[in-house]
């Protein structure tokens, strides 16, 4: 039997697989693996949800900056993430 199906890319090691480069970010303290460093806020939340982070698509996403401050990332905003970047997703305040 073949190890991979045609819908499943081969698992690559750290020495340069030809098809994907994985990076890991942290969302609400949990690791989330991505294969593309160019994302939108909505795509980051969807990836986190798909990987079991207990958040919802309508949560507010923020990037944790190096100085400890947080920067809100709207759903339609494009960001370039790096391995180890940290984000928090929390319920929005609908009581305005």
PDB file of N, CA and C in Angstrom:
ATOM      1  N   UNK A   1       0.830  -1.190   0.000  1.00  0.00           N
ATOM      2  CA  UNK A   1       0.000   0.000   0.000  1.00  0.00           C
ATOM      3  C   UNK A   1       0.869   1.246   0.000  1.00  0.00           C
ATOM      4  N   UNK A   2       0.487   2.283  -0.752  1.00  0.00           N
ATOM      5  CA  UNK A   2       1.272   3.518  -0.724  1.00  0.00           C
ATOM      6  C   UNK A   2       1.099   4.242   0.604  1.00  0.00           C
ATOM      7  N   UNK A   3       2.129   4.961   1.000  1.00  0.00           N
ATOM      8  CA  UNK A   3       2.102   5.675   2.277  1.00  0.00           C
ATOM      9  C   UNK A   3       1.227   6.915   2.217  1.00  0.00           C
ATOM     10  N   UNK A   4       1.083   7.526   1.039  1.00  0.00           N
ATOM     11  CA  UNK A   4       0.321   8.765   0.911  1.00  0.00           C
ATOM     12  C   UNK A   4      -0.779   8.594  -0.124  1.00  0.00           C
ATOM     13  N   UNK A   5      -1.881   9.305   0.075  1.00  0.00           N
ATOM     14  CA  UNK A   5      -2.911   9.347  -0.953  1.00  0.00           C
ATOM     15  C   UNK A   5      -2.658  10.566  -1.808  1.00  0.00           C
ATOM     16  N   UNK A   6      -3.308  10.638  -2.951  1.00  0.00           N
ATOM     17  CA  UNK A   6      -3.034  11.784  -3.824  1.00  0.00           C
ATOM     18  C   UNK A   6      -3.578  13.094  -3.269  1.00  0.00           C
ATOM     19  N   UNK A   7      -4.479  13.047  -2.293  1.00  0.00           N
ATOM     20  CA  UNK A   7      -5.005  14.267  -1.677  1.00  0.00           C
ATOM     21  C   UNK A   7      -4.192  14.714  -0.478  1.00  0.00           C
ATOM     22  N   UNK A   8      -3.197  13.958  -0.109  1.00  0.00           N
ATOM     23  CA  UNK A   8      -2.435  14.236   1.093  1.00  0.00           C
ATOM     24  C   UNK A   8      -0.975  14.460   0.729  1.00  0.00           C
ATOM     25  N   UNK A   9      -0.427  15.672   0.965  1.00  0.00           N
ATOM     26  CA  UNK A   9       0.982  15.889   0.628  1.00  0.00           C
ATOM     27  C   UNK A   9       1.883  15.062   1.533  1.00  0.00           C
ATOM     28  N   UNK A  10       3.049  14.684   1.049  1.00  0.00           N
ATOM     29  CA  UNK A  10       3.960  13.916   1.895  1.00  0.00           C
ATOM     30  C   UNK A  10       4.434  14.739   3.082  1.00  0.00           C
ATOM     31  N   UNK A  11       4.658  14.082   4.186  1.00  0.00           N
ATOM     32  CA  UNK A  11       5.183  14.757   5.369  1.00  0.00           C
ATOM     33  C   UNK A  11       6.642  15.079   5.102  1.00  0.00           C
ATOM     34  N   UNK A  12       7.023  16.313   5.377  1.00  0.00           N
ATOM     35  CA  UNK A  12       8.382  16.763   5.079  1.00  0.00           C
ATOM     36  C   UNK A  12       9.182  16.896   6.369  1.00  0.00           C
ATOM     37  N   UNK A  13      10.470  16.676   6.265  1.00  0.00           N
ATOM     38  CA  UNK A  13      11.318  16.872   7.428  1.00  0.00           C
ATOM     39  C   UNK A  13      11.838  18.311   7.449  1.00  0.00           C
ATOM     40  N   UNK A  14      12.653  18.621   8.440  1.00  0.00           N
ATOM     41  CA  UNK A  14      13.139  19.987   8.622  1.00  0.00           C
ATOM     42  C   UNK A  14      14.199  20.391   7.611  1.00  0.00           C
ATOM     43  N   UNK A  15      14.609  19.482   6.739  1.00  0.00           N
ATOM     44  CA  UNK A  15      15.677  19.790   5.793  1.00  0.00           C
ATOM     45  C   UNK A  15      15.179  20.060   4.390  1.00  0.00           C
ATOM     46  N   UNK A  16      14.049  20.689   4.270  1.00  0.00           N
ATOM     47  CA  UNK A  16      13.644  21.182   2.961  1.00  0.00           C
ATOM     48  C   UNK A  16      12.774  20.275   2.144  1.00  0.00           C
ATOM     49  N   UNK A  17      11.576  20.037   2.597  1.00  0.00           N
ATOM     50  CA  UNK A  17      10.624  19.343   1.750  1.00  0.00           C
ATOM     51  C   UNK A  17      10.248  20.237   0.582  1.00  0.00           C
ATOM     52  N   UNK A  18      10.015  19.682  -0.581  1.00  0.00           N
ATOM     53  CA  UNK A  18       9.793  20.492  -1.775  1.00  0.00           C
ATOM     54  C   UNK A  18       8.440  21.187  -1.845  1.00  0.00           C
ATOM     55  N   UNK A  19       7.427  20.739  -1.082  1.00  0.00           N
ATOM     56  CA  UNK A  19       6.099  21.296  -1.297  1.00  0.00           C
ATOM     57  C   UNK A  19       5.613  22.241  -0.210  1.00  0.00           C
ATOM     58  N   UNK A  20       5.956  22.021   1.046  1.00  0.00           N
ATOM     59  CA  UNK A  20       5.406  22.874   2.091  1.00  0.00           C
ATOM     60  C   UNK A  20       6.485  23.253   3.098  1.00  0.00           C
ATOM     61  N   UNK A  21       6.289  24.404   3.705  1.00  0.00           N
ATOM     62  CA  UNK A  21       7.106  24.834   4.835  1.00  0.00           C
ATOM     63  C   UNK A  21       6.132  25.129   5.958  1.00  0.00           C
ATOM     64  N   UNK A  22       6.274  24.439   7.058  1.00  0.00           N
ATOM     65  CA  UNK A  22       5.356  24.650   8.160  1.00  0.00           C
ATOM     66  C   UNK A  22       5.952  25.615   9.164  1.00  0.00           C
ATOM     67  N   UNK A  23       5.076  26.416   9.745  1.00  0.00           N
ATOM     68  CA  UNK A  23       5.475  27.274  10.839  1.00  0.00           C
ATOM     69  C   UNK A  23       4.416  27.162  11.906  1.00  0.00           C
ATOM     70  N   UNK A  24       4.805  27.469  13.115  1.00  0.00           N
ATOM     71  CA  UNK A  24       3.889  27.331  14.237  1.00  0.00           C
ATOM     72  C   UNK A  24       3.704  28.670  14.918  1.00  0.00           C
ATOM     73  N   UNK A  25       2.448  29.039  15.114  1.00  0.00           N
ATOM     74  CA  UNK A  25       2.113  30.216  15.900  1.00  0.00           C
ATOM     75  C   UNK A  25       1.406  29.729  17.159  1.00  0.00           C
ATOM     76  N   UNK A  26       1.157  30.644  18.063  1.00  0.00           N
ATOM     77  CA  UNK A  26       0.448  30.326  19.299  1.00  0.00           C
ATOM     78  C   UNK A  26      -0.835  31.150  19.328  1.00  0.00           C
ATOM     79  N   UNK A  27      -1.968  30.483  19.532  1.00  0.00           N
ATOM     80  CA  UNK A  27      -3.258  31.168  19.672  1.00  0.00           C
ATOM     81  C   UNK A  27      -3.851  30.736  21.010  1.00  0.00           C
ATOM     82  N   UNK A  28      -4.061  31.706  21.893  1.00  0.00           N
ATOM     83  CA  UNK A  28      -4.591  31.441  23.235  1.00  0.00           C
ATOM     84  C   UNK A  28      -3.786  30.352  23.951  1.00  0.00           C
ATOM     85  N   UNK A  29      -2.466  30.413  23.780  1.00  0.00           N
ATOM     86  CA  UNK A  29      -1.583  29.491  24.476  1.00  0.00           C
ATOM     87  C   UNK A  29      -1.443  28.121  23.838  1.00  0.00           C
ATOM     88  N   UNK A  30      -2.096  27.905  22.690  1.00  0.00           N
ATOM     89  CA  UNK A  30      -2.044  26.598  22.038  1.00  0.00           C
ATOM     90  C   UNK A  30      -1.367  26.705  20.679  1.00  0.00           C
ATOM     91  N   UNK A  31      -0.553  25.709  20.312  1.00  0.00           N
ATOM     92  CA  UNK A  31       0.137  25.755  19.021  1.00  0.00           C
ATOM     93  C   UNK A  31      -0.824  25.568  17.852  1.00  0.00           C
ATOM     94  N   UNK A  32      -0.581  26.325  16.792  1.00  0.00           N
ATOM     95  CA  UNK A  32      -1.341  26.213  15.543  1.00  0.00           C
ATOM     96  C   UNK A  32      -0.322  26.159  14.413  1.00  0.00           C
ATOM     97  N   UNK A  33      -0.381  25.120  13.597  1.00  0.00           N
ATOM     98  CA  UNK A  33       0.560  24.936  12.497  1.00  0.00           C
ATOM     99  C   UNK A  33      -0.036  25.513  11.220  1.00  0.00           C
ATOM    100  N   UNK A  34       0.758  26.321  10.526  1.00  0.00           N
ATOM    101  CA  UNK A  34       0.356  26.930   9.257  1.00  0.00           C
ATOM    102  C   UNK A  34       1.343  26.510   8.176  1.00  0.00           C
ATOM    103  N   UNK A  35       0.906  26.559   6.924  1.00  0.00           N
ATOM    104  CA  UNK A  35       1.811  26.257   5.814  1.00  0.00           C
ATOM    105  C   UNK A  35       2.087  27.481   4.955  1.00  0.00           C
ATOM    106  N   UNK A  36       1.464  28.617   5.290  1.00  0.00           N
ATOM    107  CA  UNK A  36       1.673  29.855   4.539  1.00  0.00           C
ATOM    108  C   UNK A  36       1.799  30.993   5.534  1.00  0.00           C
ATOM    109  N   UNK A  37       2.840  31.788   5.408  1.00  0.00           N
ATOM    110  CA  UNK A  37       3.026  32.878   6.369  1.00  0.00           C
ATOM    111  C   UNK A  37       2.162  34.092   6.067  1.00  0.00           C
ATOM    112  N   UNK A  38       1.532  34.126   4.908  1.00  0.00           N
ATOM    113  CA  UNK A  38       0.637  35.230   4.552  1.00  0.00           C
ATOM    114  C   UNK A  38      -0.794  34.813   4.865  1.00  0.00           C
ATOM    115  N   UNK A  39      -1.427  35.503   5.809  1.00  0.00           N
ATOM    116  CA  UNK A  39      -2.745  35.132   6.312  1.00  0.00           C
ATOM    117  C   UNK A  39      -3.604  36.374   6.496  1.00  0.00           C
ATOM    118  N   UNK A  40      -4.894  36.147   6.679  1.00  0.00           N
ATOM    119  CA  UNK A  40      -5.790  37.209   7.140  1.00  0.00           C
ATOM    120  C   UNK A  40      -6.161  36.880   8.582  1.00  0.00           C
ATOM    121  N   UNK A  41      -6.728  37.850   9.262  1.00  0.00           N
ATOM    122  CA  UNK A  41      -7.195  37.586  10.616  1.00  0.00           C
ATOM    123  C   UNK A  41      -8.192  36.442  10.647  1.00  0.00           C
ATOM    124  N   UNK A  42      -9.133  36.438   9.691  1.00  0.00           N
ATOM    125  CA  UNK A  42     -10.140  35.373   9.634  1.00  0.00           C
ATOM    126  C   UNK A  42      -9.491  34.016   9.389  1.00  0.00           C
ATOM    127  N   UNK A  43      -8.498  33.957   8.509  1.00  0.00           N
ATOM    128  CA  UNK A  43      -7.829  32.690   8.203  1.00  0.00           C
ATOM    129  C   UNK A  43      -7.066  32.161   9.418  1.00  0.00           C
ATOM    130  N   UNK A  44      -6.462  33.051  10.195  1.00  0.00           N
ATOM    131  CA  UNK A  44      -5.763  32.617  11.406  1.00  0.00           C
ATOM    132  C   UNK A  44      -6.742  31.992  12.391  1.00  0.00           C
ATOM    133  N   UNK A  45      -7.903  32.630  12.568  1.00  0.00           N
ATOM    134  CA  UNK A  45      -8.903  32.073  13.483  1.00  0.00           C
ATOM    135  C   UNK A  45      -9.426  30.732  12.976  1.00  0.00           C
ATOM    136  N   UNK A  46      -9.681  30.631  11.671  1.00  0.00           N
ATOM    137  CA  UNK A  46     -10.183  29.373  11.113  1.00  0.00           C
ATOM    138  C   UNK A  46      -9.164  28.246  11.291  1.00  0.00           C
ATOM    139  N   UNK A  47      -7.881  28.544  11.083  1.00  0.00           N
ATOM    140  CA  UNK A  47      -6.840  27.528  11.281  1.00  0.00           C
ATOM    141  C   UNK A  47      -6.804  27.081  12.740  1.00  0.00           C
ATOM    142  N   UNK A  48      -6.922  28.036  13.647  1.00  0.00           N
ATOM    143  CA  UNK A  48      -6.914  27.704  15.076  1.00  0.00           C
ATOM    144  C   UNK A  48      -8.121  26.836  15.437  1.00  0.00           C
ATOM    145  N   UNK A  49      -9.289  27.203  14.942  1.00  0.00           N
ATOM    146  CA  UNK A  49     -10.504  26.430  15.211  1.00  0.00           C
ATOM    147  C   UNK A  49     -10.353  25.010  14.670  1.00  0.00           C
ATOM    148  N   UNK A  50      -9.848  24.888  13.443  1.00  0.00           N
ATOM    149  CA  UNK A  50      -9.683  23.574  12.809  1.00  0.00           C
ATOM    150  C   UNK A  50      -8.710  22.688  13.582  1.00  0.00           C
ATOM    151  N   UNK A  51      -7.788  23.321  14.328  1.00  0.00           N
ATOM    152  CA  UNK A  51      -6.785  22.559  15.078  1.00  0.00           C
ATOM    153  C   UNK A  51      -7.135  22.448  16.561  1.00  0.00           C
ATOM    154  N   UNK A  52      -8.391  22.730  16.893  1.00  0.00           N
ATOM    155  CA  UNK A  52      -8.884  22.448  18.232  1.00  0.00           C
ATOM    156  C   UNK A  52      -8.769  23.551  19.255  1.00  0.00           C
ATOM    157  N   UNK A  53      -8.372  24.757  18.851  1.00  0.00           N
ATOM    158  CA  UNK A  53      -8.334  25.864  19.806  1.00  0.00           C
ATOM    159  C   UNK A  53      -9.785  26.287  20.061  1.00  0.00           C
ATOM    160  N   UNK A  54     -10.211  26.354  21.324  1.00  0.00           N
ATOM    161  CA  UNK A  54     -11.616  26.632  21.629  1.00  0.00           C
ATOM    162  C   UNK A  54     -11.971  28.118  21.495  1.00  0.00           C
ATOM    163  N   UNK A  55     -12.034  28.578  20.252  1.00  0.00           N
ATOM    164  CA  UNK A  55     -12.454  29.948  19.951  1.00  0.00           C
ATOM    165  C   UNK A  55     -13.546  29.873  18.899  1.00  0.00           C
ATOM    166  N   UNK A  56     -14.161  31.028  18.613  1.00  0.00           N
ATOM    167  CA  UNK A  56     -15.185  31.098  17.579  1.00  0.00           C
ATOM    168  C   UNK A  56     -14.759  32.106  16.525  1.00  0.00           C
ATOM    169  N   UNK A  57     -15.323  31.969  15.336  1.00  0.00           N
ATOM    170  CA  UNK A  57     -14.945  32.821  14.208  1.00  0.00           C
ATOM    171  C   UNK A  57     -15.227  34.295  14.464  1.00  0.00           C
ATOM    172  N   UNK A  58     -16.188  34.613  15.343  1.00  0.00           N
ATOM    173  CA  UNK A  58     -16.507  36.022  15.596  1.00  0.00           C
ATOM    174  C   UNK A  58     -15.700  36.624  16.750  1.00  0.00           C
ATOM    175  N   UNK A  59     -14.762  35.882  17.304  1.00  0.00           N
ATOM    176  CA  UNK A  59     -13.902  36.424  18.352  1.00  0.00           C
ATOM    177  C   UNK A  59     -12.998  37.511  17.769  1.00  0.00           C
ATOM    178  N   UNK A  60     -12.543  38.410  18.628  1.00  0.00           N
ATOM    179  CA  UNK A  60     -11.605  39.458  18.240  1.00  0.00           C
ATOM    180  C   UNK A  60     -10.192  38.899  18.379  1.00  0.00           C
ATOM    181  N   UNK A  61      -9.424  38.974  17.280  1.00  0.00           N
ATOM    182  CA  UNK A  61      -8.058  38.454  17.260  1.00  0.00           C
ATOM    183  C   UNK A  61      -7.069  39.590  17.479  1.00  0.00           C
ATOM    184  N   UNK A  62      -6.097  39.372  18.361  1.00  0.00           N
ATOM    185  CA  UNK A  62      -5.038  40.351  18.611  1.00  0.00           C
ATOM    186  C   UNK A  62      -3.688  39.666  18.553  1.00  0.00           C
ATOM    187  N   UNK A  63      -2.712  40.377  17.996  1.00  0.00           N
ATOM    188  CA  UNK A  63      -1.335  39.899  18.003  1.00  0.00           C
ATOM    189  C   UNK A  63      -0.656  40.430  19.254  1.00  0.00           C
ATOM    190  N   UNK A  64       0.088  39.571  19.941  1.00  0.00           N
ATOM    191  CA  UNK A  64       0.867  39.996  21.100  1.00  0.00           C
ATOM    192  C   UNK A  64       2.194  40.524  20.570  1.00  0.00           C
ATOM    193  N   UNK A  65       2.450  41.806  20.794  1.00  0.00           N
ATOM    194  CA  UNK A  65       3.669  42.446  20.300  1.00  0.00           C
ATOM    195  C   UNK A  65       4.837  42.174  21.241  1.00  0.00           C
ATOM    196  N   UNK A  66       6.048  42.448  20.772  1.00  0.00           N
ATOM    197  CA  UNK A  66       7.257  42.175  21.561  1.00  0.00           C
ATOM    198  C   UNK A  66       7.281  42.936  22.878  1.00  0.00           C
ATOM    199  N   UNK A  67       6.644  44.113  22.921  1.00  0.00           N
ATOM    200  CA  UNK A  67       6.636  44.904  24.154  1.00  0.00           C
ATOM    201  C   UNK A  67       5.514  44.491  25.099  1.00  0.00           C
ATOM    202  N   UNK A  68       4.750  43.452  24.729  1.00  0.00           N
ATOM    203  CA  UNK A  68       3.673  42.971  25.578  1.00  0.00           C
ATOM    204  C   UNK A  68       2.314  43.552  25.242  1.00  0.00           C
ATOM    205  N   UNK A  69       2.297  44.638  24.474  1.00  0.00           N
ATOM    206  CA  UNK A  69       1.022  45.207  24.049  1.00  0.00           C
ATOM    207  C   UNK A  69       0.359  44.295  23.030  1.00  0.00           C
ATOM    208  N   UNK A  70      -0.920  44.550  22.772  1.00  0.00           N
ATOM    209  CA  UNK A  70      -1.644  43.769  21.778  1.00  0.00           C
ATOM    210  C   UNK A  70      -2.151  44.676  20.671  1.00  0.00           C
ATOM    211  N   UNK A  71      -2.172  44.136  19.454  1.00  0.00           N
ATOM    212  CA  UNK A  71      -2.650  44.869  18.281  1.00  0.00           C
ATOM    213  C   UNK A  71      -3.787  44.060  17.664  1.00  0.00           C
ATOM    214  N   UNK A  72      -4.982  44.665  17.574  1.00  0.00           N
ATOM    215  CA  UNK A  72      -6.138  43.975  17.006  1.00  0.00           C
ATOM    216  C   UNK A  72      -5.902  43.717  15.521  1.00  0.00           C
ATOM    217  N   UNK A  73      -6.222  42.500  15.080  1.00  0.00           N
ATOM    218  CA  UNK A  73      -6.101  42.102  13.678  1.00  0.00           C
ATOM    219  C   UNK A  73      -7.514  41.847  13.149  1.00  0.00           C
ATOM    220  N   UNK A  74      -8.100  42.807  12.414  1.00  0.00           N
ATOM    221  CA  UNK A  74      -9.440  42.587  11.850  1.00  0.00           C
ATOM    222  C   UNK A  74      -9.447  41.401  10.883  1.00  0.00           C
ATOM    223  N   UNK A  75     -10.625  40.822  10.688  1.00  0.00           N
ATOM    224  CA  UNK A  75     -10.753  39.627   9.845  1.00  0.00           C
ATOM    225  C   UNK A  75     -10.187  39.813   8.448  1.00  0.00           C
ATOM    226  N   UNK A  76     -10.381  40.993   7.855  1.00  0.00           N
ATOM    227  CA  UNK A  76      -9.961  41.203   6.466  1.00  0.00           C
ATOM    228  C   UNK A  76      -8.551  41.773   6.327  1.00  0.00           C
ATOM    229  N   UNK A  77      -7.840  41.923   7.432  1.00  0.00           N
ATOM    230  CA  UNK A  77      -6.479  42.457   7.393  1.00  0.00           C
ATOM    231  C   UNK A  77      -5.483  41.345   7.102  1.00  0.00           C
ATOM    232  N   UNK A  78      -4.583  41.599   6.141  1.00  0.00           N
ATOM    233  CA  UNK A  78      -3.540  40.632   5.788  1.00  0.00           C
ATOM    234  C   UNK A  78      -2.337  40.859   6.696  1.00  0.00           C
ATOM    235  N   UNK A  79      -1.792  39.760   7.198  1.00  0.00           N
ATOM    236  CA  UNK A  79      -0.601  39.815   8.041  1.00  0.00           C
ATOM    237  C   UNK A  79       0.394  38.772   7.551  1.00  0.00           C
ATOM    238  N   UNK A  80       1.658  39.017   7.848  1.00  0.00           N
ATOM    239  CA  UNK A  80       2.707  38.043   7.577  1.00  0.00           C
ATOM    240  C   UNK A  80       3.187  37.536   8.925  1.00  0.00           C
ATOM    241  N   UNK A  81       2.999  36.245   9.173  1.00  0.00           N
ATOM    242  CA  UNK A  81       3.350  35.675  10.469  1.00  0.00           C
ATOM    243  C   UNK A  81       4.708  34.991  10.403  1.00  0.00           C
ATOM    244  N   UNK A  82       5.340  34.917  11.574  1.00  0.00           N
ATOM    245  CA  UNK A  82       6.623  34.229  11.718  1.00  0.00           C
ATOM    246  C   UNK A  82       6.448  33.098  12.721  1.00  0.00           C
ATOM    247  N   UNK A  83       7.312  32.126  12.626  1.00  0.00           N
ATOM    248  CA  UNK A  83       7.305  31.023  13.572  1.00  0.00           C
ATOM    249  C   UNK A  83       7.389  31.586  14.987  1.00  0.00           C
ATOM    250  N   UNK A  84       6.476  31.181  15.852  1.00  0.00           N
ATOM    251  CA  UNK A  84       6.494  31.618  17.239  1.00  0.00           C
ATOM    252  C   UNK A  84       5.644  32.833  17.544  1.00  0.00           C
ATOM    253  N   UNK A  85       5.066  33.489  16.524  1.00  0.00           N
ATOM    254  CA  UNK A  85       4.193  34.634  16.789  1.00  0.00           C
ATOM    255  C   UNK A  85       3.040  34.198  17.689  1.00  0.00           C
ATOM    256  N   UNK A  86       2.598  35.126  18.553  1.00  0.00           N
ATOM    257  CA  UNK A  86       1.552  34.804  19.513  1.00  0.00           C
ATOM    258  C   UNK A  86       0.337  35.694  19.305  1.00  0.00           C
ATOM    259  N   UNK A  87      -0.835  35.077  19.401  1.00  0.00           N
ATOM    260  CA  UNK A  87      -2.105  35.769  19.211  1.00  0.00           C
ATOM    261  C   UNK A  87      -3.070  35.367  20.316  1.00  0.00           C
ATOM    262  N   UNK A  88      -4.015  36.279  20.600  1.00  0.00           N
ATOM    263  CA  UNK A  88      -5.114  35.985  21.511  1.00  0.00           C
ATOM    264  C   UNK A  88      -6.408  36.243  20.770  1.00  0.00           C
ATOM    265  N   UNK A  89      -7.382  35.366  20.964  1.00  0.00           N
ATOM    266  CA  UNK A  89      -8.717  35.541  20.396  1.00  0.00           C
ATOM    267  C   UNK A  89      -9.704  35.485  21.553  1.00  0.00           C
ATOM    268  N   UNK A  90     -10.473  36.565  21.699  1.00  0.00           N
ATOM    269  CA  UNK A  90     -11.419  36.653  22.810  1.00  0.00           C
ATOM    270  C   UNK A  90     -12.777  37.098  22.281  1.00  0.00           C
ATOM    271  N   UNK A  91     -13.843  36.784  23.020  1.00  0.00           N
ATOM    272  CA  UNK A  91     -15.163  37.237  22.580  1.00  0.00           C
ATOM    273  C   UNK A  91     -15.199  38.758  22.498  1.00  0.00           C
ATOM    274  N   UNK A  92     -15.875  39.282  21.470  1.00  0.00           N
ATOM    275  CA  UNK A  92     -16.022  40.726  21.326  1.00  0.00           C
ATOM    276  C   UNK A  92     -17.069  41.248  22.283  1.00  0.00           C
ATOM    277  N   UNK A  93     -17.063  42.545  22.508  1.00  0.00           N
ATOM    278  CA  UNK A  93     -18.035  43.190  23.389  1.00  0.00           C
ATOM    279  C   UNK A  93     -19.169  43.729  22.541  1.00  0.00           C
ATOM    280  N   UNK A  94     -20.319  43.077  22.600  1.00  0.00           N
ATOM    281  CA  UNK A  94     -21.478  43.521  21.824  1.00  0.00           C
ATOM    282  C   UNK A  94     -22.367  44.472  22.599  1.00  0.00           C
ATOM    283  N   UNK A  95     -21.976  44.863  23.802  1.00  0.00           N
ATOM    284  CA  UNK A  95     -22.785  45.756  24.632  1.00  0.00           C
ATOM    285  C   UNK A  95     -22.357  47.197  24.441  1.00  0.00           C
ATOM    286  N   UNK A  96     -22.729  47.793  23.290  1.00  0.00           N
ATOM    287  CA  UNK A  96     -22.313  49.169  23.075  1.00  0.00           C
ATOM    288  C   UNK A  96     -23.426  50.128  23.326  1.00  0.00           C
TER     289      UNK A  96
END
